[in-house]
Amino acid sequence: MLASYIGFLVRQHIPITCDNWRSPELKVGKEKIWSEIQRSFHIDESRQKYCIQLAGKRLRGFRSFLSNKFLKDEEGKFVEAERPMKK
């Protein structure tokens, strides 16, 4: 249940376009995630590192899901997207 909730929080607070989970720009989002976890579950401060690492895994899993569902064909190859024509 905790892992699912963390996945929900990650999708809500972290953009899928972030390239690096360790980026300083994500600090605010990670702090929001941690505060929401503490508000919803009674988790000790010593578990913060574990929860944030789990959040990173959930983000990676969600991006992989999106890639496999929308960017690949049945054979697992990336599909070429049609580029909009310039007017």
Protein backbone atom coordinates (compact mmCIF):
# COMPACT_ATOMS: atom_id res chain seq x y z
CA MET A 1 0.00 0.00 0.00
CA LEU A 2 2.82 2.38 0.83
CA ALA A 3 4.57 1.71 -2.49
CA SER A 4 1.39 2.40 -4.47
CA TYR A 5 0.83 5.62 -2.57
CA ILE A 6 4.42 6.70 -3.22
CA GLY A 7 3.88 6.02 -6.92
CA PHE A 8 0.80 8.25 -6.87
CA LEU A 9 2.74 11.04 -5.13
CA VAL A 10 5.60 10.80 -7.63
CA ARG A 11 3.24 11.12 -10.58
CA GLN A 12 1.66 14.11 -8.88
CA HIS A 13 4.79 16.04 -7.86
CA ILE A 14 7.63 15.05 -10.22
CA PRO A 15 7.56 15.77 -13.98
CA ILE A 16 8.12 12.75 -16.23
CA THR A 17 10.58 14.83 -18.24
CA CYS A 18 13.20 14.96 -15.48
CA ASP A 19 16.44 13.38 -16.65
CA ASN A 20 18.17 12.85 -13.32
CA TRP A 21 16.51 11.80 -10.07
CA ARG A 22 19.40 13.36 -8.15
CA SER A 23 18.83 16.77 -9.74
CA PRO A 24 18.65 19.67 -7.23
CA GLU A 25 15.55 20.98 -9.04
CA LEU A 26 13.58 18.00 -7.72
CA LYS A 27 14.32 18.83 -4.08
CA VAL A 28 11.00 20.64 -3.57
CA GLY A 29 9.04 17.76 -5.10
CA LYS A 30 10.88 15.20 -2.97
CA GLU A 31 10.20 17.23 0.17
CA LYS A 32 6.48 17.36 -0.73
CA ILE A 33 6.47 13.61 -1.26
CA TRP A 34 8.14 13.00 2.10
CA SER A 35 5.79 15.33 3.96
CA GLU A 36 2.74 13.62 2.39
CA ILE A 37 4.11 10.19 3.34
CA GLN A 38 4.63 11.33 6.93
CA ARG A 39 1.16 12.84 7.03
CA SER A 40 -0.50 9.66 5.77
CA PHE A 41 1.67 7.03 7.46
CA HIS A 42 3.49 7.06 10.77
CA ILE A 43 7.02 6.53 9.49
CA ASP A 44 10.19 7.40 11.36
CA GLU A 45 12.61 10.00 9.96
CA SER A 46 15.25 7.30 9.63
CA ARG A 47 13.20 5.75 6.79
CA GLN A 48 13.22 8.89 4.64
CA LYS A 49 16.11 7.73 2.45
CA TYR A 50 14.36 4.42 1.75
CA CYS A 51 11.07 6.12 0.86
CA ILE A 52 12.73 8.62 -1.48
CA GLN A 53 14.70 5.82 -3.16
CA LEU A 54 11.44 3.93 -3.61
CA ALA A 55 9.93 7.06 -5.14
CA GLY A 56 12.75 7.14 -7.69
CA LYS A 57 12.08 3.52 -8.60
CA ARG A 58 8.38 4.26 -8.99
CA LEU A 59 9.15 7.16 -11.33
CA ARG A 60 11.43 4.97 -13.43
CA GLY A 61 8.78 2.25 -13.57
CA PHE A 62 6.09 4.71 -14.61
CA ARG A 63 8.24 6.17 -17.37
CA SER A 64 9.04 2.65 -18.61
CA PHE A 65 5.33 1.83 -18.65
CA LEU A 66 4.58 4.95 -20.70
CA SER A 67 7.40 4.19 -23.11
CA ASN A 68 6.30 0.60 -23.64
CA LYS A 69 2.62 1.48 -23.97
CA PHE A 70 2.80 4.53 -26.22
CA LEU A 71 6.19 4.64 -27.94
CA LYS A 72 6.76 1.00 -28.94
CA ASP A 73 4.96 -1.33 -31.32
CA GLU A 74 4.00 -4.98 -30.74
CA GLU A 75 7.55 -6.13 -31.51
CA GLY A 76 9.08 -3.80 -28.92
CA LYS A 77 10.60 -1.40 -31.44
CA PHE A 78 10.24 2.33 -31.11
CA VAL A 79 7.69 3.81 -33.47
CA GLU A 80 8.63 6.81 -35.55
CA ALA A 81 6.36 9.68 -34.67
CA GLU A 82 4.89 11.83 -37.38
CA ARG A 83 6.27 15.31 -37.12
CA PRO A 84 3.84 18.17 -37.55
CA MET A 85 4.28 20.11 -40.77
CA LYS A 86 5.42 23.70 -40.50
CA LYS A 87 3.14 26.26 -42.08
